[in-house]
Amino acid sequence: MQSASPRDLHGIDVSHWQGKITWKAVKGDNMDFAYLKATEGTTWVDPKFLDNARGARHAGIPVGAYHFARPDLNQTLKDAVAEAQHFIKTQQQGFGNFGDIYPVLDLEKPFPQNNKNVSASHLLSWVDTFRSYFESETGHTLMLYTGIFFIREYNNFKHPASSYLSEMPLWIALYPKSVSPYNASPPDAGNWNRWTVWQYADNGQVKGIDGKVDLNRALPKLLS
């Protein structure tokens, strides 16, 4: 995949684990965008989602929501639709729409290898079902968040459904020791050779947030 660039946007992703956030200070620390955890599974809503959505937008930070997928617990394709429905409803309550940037399906379960109870082929079909339902119901493109390790864990996403998934914008997680002077890059994986967002650190420090936070780079088109 492509290397980091001086033209990249900078952003964070947060959930209730970050506690109370001073969004004006985040904006002042030159953050261009923020992703907020909205939902998980078929019923759970992040208790800070509504506060974070209001606070970030009031501070002038473009925001998007992500849904933490639970195909390990909700394994059927019908369950995938139920999770998508829950995500759609919660975004509309939090934003009044679907955010300012791509909504996201966060895929990192089930893991690790010796505890998997879902095959690679079924997992990818599950994701494709979620994606198809979400996009047909909302008219918005869904982005996929996952890690290089996870793609490799599931046979490098080799399955007919992966040809559909590779059309999705990719938010990839990989933490190199450094992304400066712009010589680091994630490897190609799962039919993707470009990332739209790259989560390059999980131990960042940003004004307005106590403790560590995930740091991300994004292509300028994220805000277009």
C-alpha atoms as a PDB file:
ATOM      1  CA  MET A   1       0.000   0.000   0.000  1.00  0.00           C
ATOM      2  CA  GLN A   2       1.037   3.637  -0.331  1.00  0.00           C
ATOM      3  CA  SER A   3       3.346   5.335   2.141  1.00  0.00           C
ATOM      4  CA  ALA A   4       2.384   8.163   4.465  1.00  0.00           C
ATOM      5  CA  SER A   5       2.502  11.610   2.892  1.00  0.00           C
ATOM      6  CA  PRO A   6       2.823  15.210   4.119  1.00  0.00           C
ATOM      7  CA  ARG A   7      -0.561  15.798   2.446  1.00  0.00           C
ATOM      8  CA  ASP A   8      -2.334  13.300   4.712  1.00  0.00           C
ATOM      9  CA  LEU A   9      -5.080  14.420   7.070  1.00  0.00           C
ATOM     10  CA  HIS A  10      -4.697  13.689  10.785  1.00  0.00           C
ATOM     11  CA  GLY A  11      -7.412  12.302  13.037  1.00  0.00           C
ATOM     12  CA  ILE A  12      -8.368  10.202  16.023  1.00  0.00           C
ATOM     13  CA  ASP A  13     -10.856   7.485  16.870  1.00  0.00           C
ATOM     14  CA  VAL A  14     -12.478   7.357  20.292  1.00  0.00           C
ATOM     15  CA  SER A  15     -15.021   5.560  22.432  1.00  0.00           C
ATOM     16  CA  HIS A  16     -16.228   5.734  26.022  1.00  0.00           C
ATOM     17  CA  TRP A  17     -12.775   4.540  27.113  1.00  0.00           C
ATOM     18  CA  GLN A  18     -11.432   8.054  26.499  1.00  0.00           C
ATOM     19  CA  GLY A  19     -13.895   9.484  29.018  1.00  0.00           C
ATOM     20  CA  LYS A  20     -14.850  13.154  28.815  1.00  0.00           C
ATOM     21  CA  ILE A  21     -13.222  14.861  25.834  1.00  0.00           C
ATOM     22  CA  THR A  22     -12.630  18.592  25.436  1.00  0.00           C
ATOM     23  CA  TRP A  23     -13.309  18.784  21.732  1.00  0.00           C
ATOM     24  CA  LYS A  24     -12.292  22.417  21.311  1.00  0.00           C
ATOM     25  CA  ALA A  25      -8.808  21.459  22.543  1.00  0.00           C
ATOM     26  CA  VAL A  26      -8.755  18.500  20.146  1.00  0.00           C
ATOM     27  CA  LYS A  27      -9.549  20.852  17.287  1.00  0.00           C
ATOM     28  CA  GLY A  28      -6.790  23.164  18.471  1.00  0.00           C
ATOM     29  CA  ASP A  29      -4.332  20.274  18.282  1.00  0.00           C
ATOM     30  CA  ASN A  30      -4.830  20.198  14.499  1.00  0.00           C
ATOM     31  CA  MET A  31      -7.031  17.128  14.279  1.00  0.00           C
ATOM     32  CA  ASP A  32      -8.830  17.110  10.915  1.00  0.00           C
ATOM     33  CA  PHE A  33     -11.414  14.407  11.665  1.00  0.00           C
ATOM     34  CA  ALA A  34     -12.667  12.034  14.359  1.00  0.00           C
ATOM     35  CA  TYR A  35     -14.231   8.598  14.325  1.00  0.00           C
ATOM     36  CA  LEU A  36     -16.602   7.776  17.176  1.00  0.00           C
ATOM     37  CA  LYS A  37     -17.653   4.337  18.357  1.00  0.00           C
ATOM     38  CA  ALA A  38     -21.418   4.154  18.001  1.00  0.00           C
ATOM     39  CA  THR A  39     -22.548   0.560  18.363  1.00  0.00           C
ATOM     40  CA  GLU A  40     -21.596  -3.059  18.916  1.00  0.00           C
ATOM     41  CA  GLY A  41     -23.570  -6.166  18.101  1.00  0.00           C
ATOM     42  CA  THR A  42     -27.342  -5.839  17.810  1.00  0.00           C
ATOM     43  CA  THR A  43     -28.210  -3.746  20.895  1.00  0.00           C
ATOM     44  CA  TRP A  44     -25.209  -2.041  22.525  1.00  0.00           C
ATOM     45  CA  VAL A  45     -24.668   1.716  22.121  1.00  0.00           C
ATOM     46  CA  ASP A  46     -21.479   3.415  23.273  1.00  0.00           C
ATOM     47  CA  PRO A  47     -22.515   5.585  26.252  1.00  0.00           C
ATOM     48  CA  LYS A  48     -20.356   8.495  25.037  1.00  0.00           C
ATOM     49  CA  PHE A  49     -21.470   8.414  21.398  1.00  0.00           C
ATOM     50  CA  LEU A  50     -24.124  11.120  21.608  1.00  0.00           C
ATOM     51  CA  ASP A  51     -21.944  13.434  23.729  1.00  0.00           C
ATOM     52  CA  ASN A  52     -18.964  12.915  21.431  1.00  0.00           C
ATOM     53  CA  ALA A  53     -21.050  13.493  18.313  1.00  0.00           C
ATOM     54  CA  ARG A  54     -22.414  16.781  19.645  1.00  0.00           C
ATOM     55  CA  GLY A  55     -19.088  17.926  21.063  1.00  0.00           C
ATOM     56  CA  ALA A  56     -16.977  17.180  18.009  1.00  0.00           C
ATOM     57  CA  ARG A  57     -19.393  18.772  15.579  1.00  0.00           C
ATOM     58  CA  HIS A  58     -19.795  21.841  17.795  1.00  0.00           C
ATOM     59  CA  ALA A  59     -15.998  22.210  17.730  1.00  0.00           C
ATOM     60  CA  GLY A  60     -16.046  22.035  13.934  1.00  0.00           C
ATOM     61  CA  ILE A  61     -14.466  18.591  13.593  1.00  0.00           C
ATOM     62  CA  PRO A  62     -15.871  16.362  10.805  1.00  0.00           C
ATOM     63  CA  VAL A  63     -17.029  13.096  12.341  1.00  0.00           C
ATOM     64  CA  GLY A  64     -17.957   9.568  11.379  1.00  0.00           C
ATOM     65  CA  ALA A  65     -19.277   6.591  13.309  1.00  0.00           C
ATOM     66  CA  TYR A  66     -18.057   3.020  13.531  1.00  0.00           C
ATOM     67  CA  HIS A  67     -19.809  -0.211  14.415  1.00  0.00           C
ATOM     68  CA  PHE A  68     -17.881  -2.977  16.198  1.00  0.00           C
ATOM     69  CA  ALA A  69     -18.971  -6.175  14.447  1.00  0.00           C
ATOM     70  CA  ARG A  70     -19.707  -9.313  16.465  1.00  0.00           C
ATOM     71  CA  PRO A  71     -19.903 -12.177  13.946  1.00  0.00           C
ATOM     72  CA  ASP A  72     -18.430 -14.356  16.685  1.00  0.00           C
ATOM     73  CA  LEU A  73     -21.656 -13.971  18.701  1.00  0.00           C
ATOM     74  CA  ASN A  74     -24.209 -13.165  15.994  1.00  0.00           C
ATOM     75  CA  GLN A  75     -23.176 -15.608  13.320  1.00  0.00           C
ATOM     76  CA  THR A  76     -26.008 -15.817  10.809  1.00  0.00           C
ATOM     77  CA  LEU A  77     -26.469 -13.579   7.789  1.00  0.00           C
ATOM     78  CA  LYS A  78     -29.770 -12.499   9.347  1.00  0.00           C
ATOM     79  CA  ASP A  79     -27.735 -11.369  12.360  1.00  0.00           C
ATOM     80  CA  ALA A  80     -25.519  -9.311  10.048  1.00  0.00           C
ATOM     81  CA  VAL A  81     -28.617  -7.440   8.858  1.00  0.00           C
ATOM     82  CA  ALA A  82     -29.745  -6.924  12.463  1.00  0.00           C
ATOM     83  CA  GLU A  83     -26.369  -5.395  13.353  1.00  0.00           C
ATOM     84  CA  ALA A  84     -26.557  -3.117  10.317  1.00  0.00           C
ATOM     85  CA  GLN A  85     -30.058  -1.999  11.308  1.00  0.00           C
ATOM     86  CA  HIS A  86     -28.852  -1.173  14.810  1.00  0.00           C
ATOM     87  CA  PHE A  87     -25.950   0.879  13.410  1.00  0.00           C
ATOM     88  CA  ILE A  88     -28.213   2.769  11.021  1.00  0.00           C
ATOM     89  CA  LYS A  89     -30.744   3.672  13.718  1.00  0.00           C
ATOM     90  CA  THR A  90     -28.082   4.840  16.186  1.00  0.00           C
ATOM     91  CA  GLN A  91     -26.295   7.044  13.656  1.00  0.00           C
ATOM     92  CA  GLN A  92     -29.543   8.775  12.778  1.00  0.00           C
ATOM     93  CA  GLN A  93     -30.157   9.455  16.466  1.00  0.00           C
ATOM     94  CA  GLY A  94     -26.628  10.754  17.024  1.00  0.00           C
ATOM     95  CA  PHE A  95     -26.023  12.769  13.874  1.00  0.00           C
ATOM     96  CA  GLY A  96     -29.456  13.258  12.338  1.00  0.00           C
ATOM     97  CA  ASN A  97     -27.810  11.673   9.295  1.00  0.00           C
ATOM     98  CA  PHE A  98     -24.790   9.415   8.719  1.00  0.00           C
ATOM     99  CA  GLY A  99     -21.944  11.686   9.668  1.00  0.00           C
ATOM    100  CA  ASP A 100     -19.546  13.789   7.645  1.00  0.00           C
ATOM    101  CA  ILE A 101     -17.156  11.040   6.547  1.00  0.00           C
ATOM    102  CA  TYR A 102     -17.493   7.363   5.654  1.00  0.00           C
ATOM    103  CA  PRO A 103     -19.370   5.245   8.226  1.00  0.00           C
ATOM    104  CA  VAL A 104     -17.297   2.219   9.218  1.00  0.00           C
ATOM    105  CA  LEU A 105     -17.649  -1.479   9.990  1.00  0.00           C
ATOM    106  CA  ASP A 106     -14.953  -2.442  12.513  1.00  0.00           C
ATOM    107  CA  LEU A 107     -13.958  -6.072  11.901  1.00  0.00           C
ATOM    108  CA  GLU A 108     -11.622  -7.687  14.423  1.00  0.00           C
ATOM    109  CA  LYS A 109     -13.623 -10.601  15.839  1.00  0.00           C
ATOM    110  CA  PRO A 110     -13.391 -13.555  16.188  1.00  0.00           C
ATOM    111  CA  PHE A 111      -9.696 -13.792  17.069  1.00  0.00           C
ATOM    112  CA  PRO A 112      -7.252 -15.443  17.704  1.00  0.00           C
ATOM    113  CA  GLN A 113      -6.858 -18.499  15.500  1.00  0.00           C
ATOM    114  CA  ASN A 114      -7.347 -21.152  18.165  1.00  0.00           C
ATOM    115  CA  ASN A 115     -10.598 -19.562  19.348  1.00  0.00           C
ATOM    116  CA  LYS A 116     -12.223 -18.945  15.983  1.00  0.00           C
ATOM    117  CA  ASN A 117     -15.685 -20.377  15.487  1.00  0.00           C
ATOM    118  CA  VAL A 118     -16.401 -18.746  12.117  1.00  0.00           C
ATOM    119  CA  SER A 119     -14.818 -19.828   8.835  1.00  0.00           C
ATOM    120  CA  ALA A 120     -13.132 -17.321   6.541  1.00  0.00           C
ATOM    121  CA  SER A 121     -15.729 -17.859   3.829  1.00  0.00           C
ATOM    122  CA  HIS A 122     -18.642 -17.327   6.209  1.00  0.00           C
ATOM    123  CA  LEU A 123     -17.016 -14.295   7.834  1.00  0.00           C
ATOM    124  CA  LEU A 124     -16.564 -12.575   4.483  1.00  0.00           C
ATOM    125  CA  SER A 125     -20.127 -13.406   3.448  1.00  0.00           C
ATOM    126  CA  TRP A 126     -21.307 -11.950   6.772  1.00  0.00           C
ATOM    127  CA  VAL A 127     -19.428  -8.716   6.102  1.00  0.00           C
ATOM    128  CA  ASP A 128     -20.714  -8.522   2.542  1.00  0.00           C
ATOM    129  CA  THR A 129     -24.294  -8.976   3.809  1.00  0.00           C
ATOM    130  CA  PHE A 130     -23.829  -6.167   6.339  1.00  0.00           C
ATOM    131  CA  ARG A 131     -22.287  -3.923   3.672  1.00  0.00           C
ATOM    132  CA  SER A 132     -24.955  -4.625   1.065  1.00  0.00           C
ATOM    133  CA  TYR A 133     -27.814  -3.979   3.474  1.00  0.00           C
ATOM    134  CA  PHE A 134     -26.257  -0.823   4.916  1.00  0.00           C
ATOM    135  CA  GLU A 135     -25.468   0.731   1.562  1.00  0.00           C
ATOM    136  CA  SER A 136     -28.819  -0.137   0.004  1.00  0.00           C
ATOM    137  CA  GLU A 137     -30.706   1.320   2.973  1.00  0.00           C
ATOM    138  CA  THR A 138     -28.665   4.499   3.410  1.00  0.00           C
ATOM    139  CA  GLY A 139     -27.115   5.297   0.040  1.00  0.00           C
ATOM    140  CA  HIS A 140     -23.783   5.799   1.836  1.00  0.00           C
ATOM    141  CA  THR A 141     -20.534   3.985   1.128  1.00  0.00           C
ATOM    142  CA  LEU A 142     -19.333   1.829   4.030  1.00  0.00           C
ATOM    143  CA  MET A 143     -15.636   1.695   4.916  1.00  0.00           C
ATOM    144  CA  LEU A 144     -14.031  -1.409   6.445  1.00  0.00           C
ATOM    145  CA  TYR A 145     -11.683  -1.179   9.422  1.00  0.00           C
ATOM    146  CA  THR A 146      -9.450  -4.147  10.112  1.00  0.00           C
ATOM    147  CA  GLY A 147      -5.836  -5.064  10.798  1.00  0.00           C
ATOM    148  CA  ILE A 148      -3.154  -6.597   8.619  1.00  0.00           C
ATOM    149  CA  PHE A 149      -2.939  -9.377  11.212  1.00  0.00           C
ATOM    150  CA  PHE A 150      -6.661 -10.074  10.920  1.00  0.00           C
ATOM    151  CA  ILE A 151      -6.663 -10.259   7.124  1.00  0.00           C
ATOM    152  CA  ARG A 152      -3.786 -12.733   7.311  1.00  0.00           C
ATOM    153  CA  GLU A 153      -5.579 -14.719  10.003  1.00  0.00           C
ATOM    154  CA  TYR A 154      -8.477 -15.271   7.604  1.00  0.00           C
ATOM    155  CA  ASN A 155      -6.554 -16.650   4.642  1.00  0.00           C
ATOM    156  CA  ASN A 156      -5.770 -13.181   3.283  1.00  0.00           C
ATOM    157  CA  PHE A 157      -9.531 -12.796   2.666  1.00  0.00           C
ATOM    158  CA  LYS A 158      -9.421 -15.281  -0.208  1.00  0.00           C
ATOM    159  CA  HIS A 159     -13.076 -15.926  -0.999  1.00  0.00           C
ATOM    160  CA  PRO A 160     -15.479 -14.816  -3.752  1.00  0.00           C
ATOM    161  CA  ALA A 161     -16.978 -12.243  -1.364  1.00  0.00           C
ATOM    162  CA  SER A 162     -13.569 -10.610  -0.992  1.00  0.00           C
ATOM    163  CA  SER A 163     -13.798  -9.258  -4.528  1.00  0.00           C
ATOM    164  CA  TYR A 164     -16.761  -7.205  -3.311  1.00  0.00           C
ATOM    165  CA  LEU A 165     -15.071  -6.221  -0.071  1.00  0.00           C
ATOM    166  CA  SER A 166     -11.989  -4.898  -1.851  1.00  0.00           C
ATOM    167  CA  GLU A 167     -14.249  -2.285  -3.456  1.00  0.00           C
ATOM    168  CA  MET A 168     -14.820  -0.851   0.030  1.00  0.00           C
ATOM    169  CA  PRO A 169     -12.589   1.986   1.234  1.00  0.00           C
ATOM    170  CA  LEU A 170     -10.086   0.496   3.681  1.00  0.00           C
ATOM    171  CA  TRP A 171      -9.122   1.740   7.131  1.00  0.00           C
ATOM    172  CA  ILE A 172      -6.103  -0.385   7.989  1.00  0.00           C
ATOM    173  CA  ALA A 173      -4.510  -0.878  11.411  1.00  0.00           C
ATOM    174  CA  LEU A 174      -0.741  -1.359  11.538  1.00  0.00           C
ATOM    175  CA  TYR A 175       1.629   0.212  14.047  1.00  0.00           C
ATOM    176  CA  PRO A 176       5.179   0.716  12.730  1.00  0.00           C
ATOM    177  CA  LYS A 177       7.884   2.196  14.925  1.00  0.00           C
ATOM    178  CA  SER A 178       7.739   5.402  12.900  1.00  0.00           C
ATOM    179  CA  VAL A 179       5.874   6.933   9.966  1.00  0.00           C
ATOM    180  CA  SER A 180       8.428   9.705   9.530  1.00  0.00           C
ATOM    181  CA  PRO A 181      10.038  10.727   7.238  1.00  0.00           C
ATOM    182  CA  TYR A 182       7.161   9.147   5.326  1.00  0.00           C
ATOM    183  CA  ASN A 183       8.927   5.929   4.435  1.00  0.00           C
ATOM    184  CA  ALA A 184       6.654   3.461   6.225  1.00  0.00           C
ATOM    185  CA  SER A 185       3.717   1.761   4.553  1.00  0.00           C
ATOM    186  CA  PRO A 186       1.393  -1.179   5.260  1.00  0.00           C
ATOM    187  CA  PRO A 187       1.819  -4.173   2.923  1.00  0.00           C
ATOM    188  CA  ASP A 188      -0.811  -5.018   0.339  1.00  0.00           C
ATOM    189  CA  ALA A 189      -3.400  -7.360   1.825  1.00  0.00           C
ATOM    190  CA  GLY A 190      -6.756  -8.933   0.979  1.00  0.00           C
ATOM    191  CA  ASN A 191      -6.956  -7.486  -2.577  1.00  0.00           C
ATOM    192  CA  TRP A 192      -6.278  -3.950  -1.292  1.00  0.00           C
ATOM    193  CA  ASN A 193      -3.244  -2.029  -2.492  1.00  0.00           C
ATOM    194  CA  ARG A 194      -4.286   1.361  -1.062  1.00  0.00           C
ATOM    195  CA  TRP A 195      -5.626   2.577   2.253  1.00  0.00           C
ATOM    196  CA  THR A 196      -8.049   5.463   2.739  1.00  0.00           C
ATOM    197  CA  VAL A 197      -7.316   5.719   6.474  1.00  0.00           C
ATOM    198  CA  TRP A 198      -4.295   4.278   8.283  1.00  0.00           C
ATOM    199  CA  GLN A 199      -4.399   3.787  12.057  1.00  0.00           C
ATOM    200  CA  TYR A 200      -0.670   3.953  12.698  1.00  0.00           C
ATOM    201  CA  ALA A 201      -0.510   4.241  16.505  1.00  0.00           C
ATOM    202  CA  ASP A 202      -2.572   3.290  19.537  1.00  0.00           C
ATOM    203  CA  ASN A 203      -0.614   5.310  22.098  1.00  0.00           C
ATOM    204  CA  GLY A 204      -0.996   8.886  20.895  1.00  0.00           C
ATOM    205  CA  GLN A 205      -1.333  11.994  23.000  1.00  0.00           C
ATOM    206  CA  VAL A 206      -3.814  14.667  21.891  1.00  0.00           C
ATOM    207  CA  LYS A 207      -4.839  17.803  23.737  1.00  0.00           C
ATOM    208  CA  GLY A 208      -8.288  17.549  25.284  1.00  0.00           C
ATOM    209  CA  ILE A 209      -8.000  13.800  25.928  1.00  0.00           C
ATOM    210  CA  ASP A 210      -6.618  12.244  29.094  1.00  0.00           C
ATOM    211  CA  GLY A 211      -4.551   9.158  28.388  1.00  0.00           C
ATOM    212  CA  LYS A 212      -3.705   7.421  25.149  1.00  0.00           C
ATOM    213  CA  VAL A 213      -5.693   7.604  21.922  1.00  0.00           C
ATOM    214  CA  ASP A 214      -5.476   6.021  18.472  1.00  0.00           C
ATOM    215  CA  LEU A 215      -3.856   8.163  15.777  1.00  0.00           C
ATOM    216  CA  ASN A 216      -4.756   8.022  12.103  1.00  0.00           C
ATOM    217  CA  ARG A 217      -3.727   9.395   8.741  1.00  0.00           C
ATOM    218  CA  ALA A 218      -6.230   9.746   5.916  1.00  0.00           C
ATOM    219  CA  LEU A 219      -6.247  10.665   2.263  1.00  0.00           C
ATOM    220  CA  PRO A 220      -7.575  14.191   1.622  1.00  0.00           C
ATOM    221  CA  LYS A 221     -10.518  12.664  -0.256  1.00  0.00           C
ATOM    222  CA  LEU A 222     -11.940  11.532   3.095  1.00  0.00           C
ATOM    223  CA  LEU A 223     -13.335  15.043   3.530  1.00  0.00           C
ATOM    224  CA  SER A 224     -14.394  15.562  -0.074  1.00  0.00           C
END
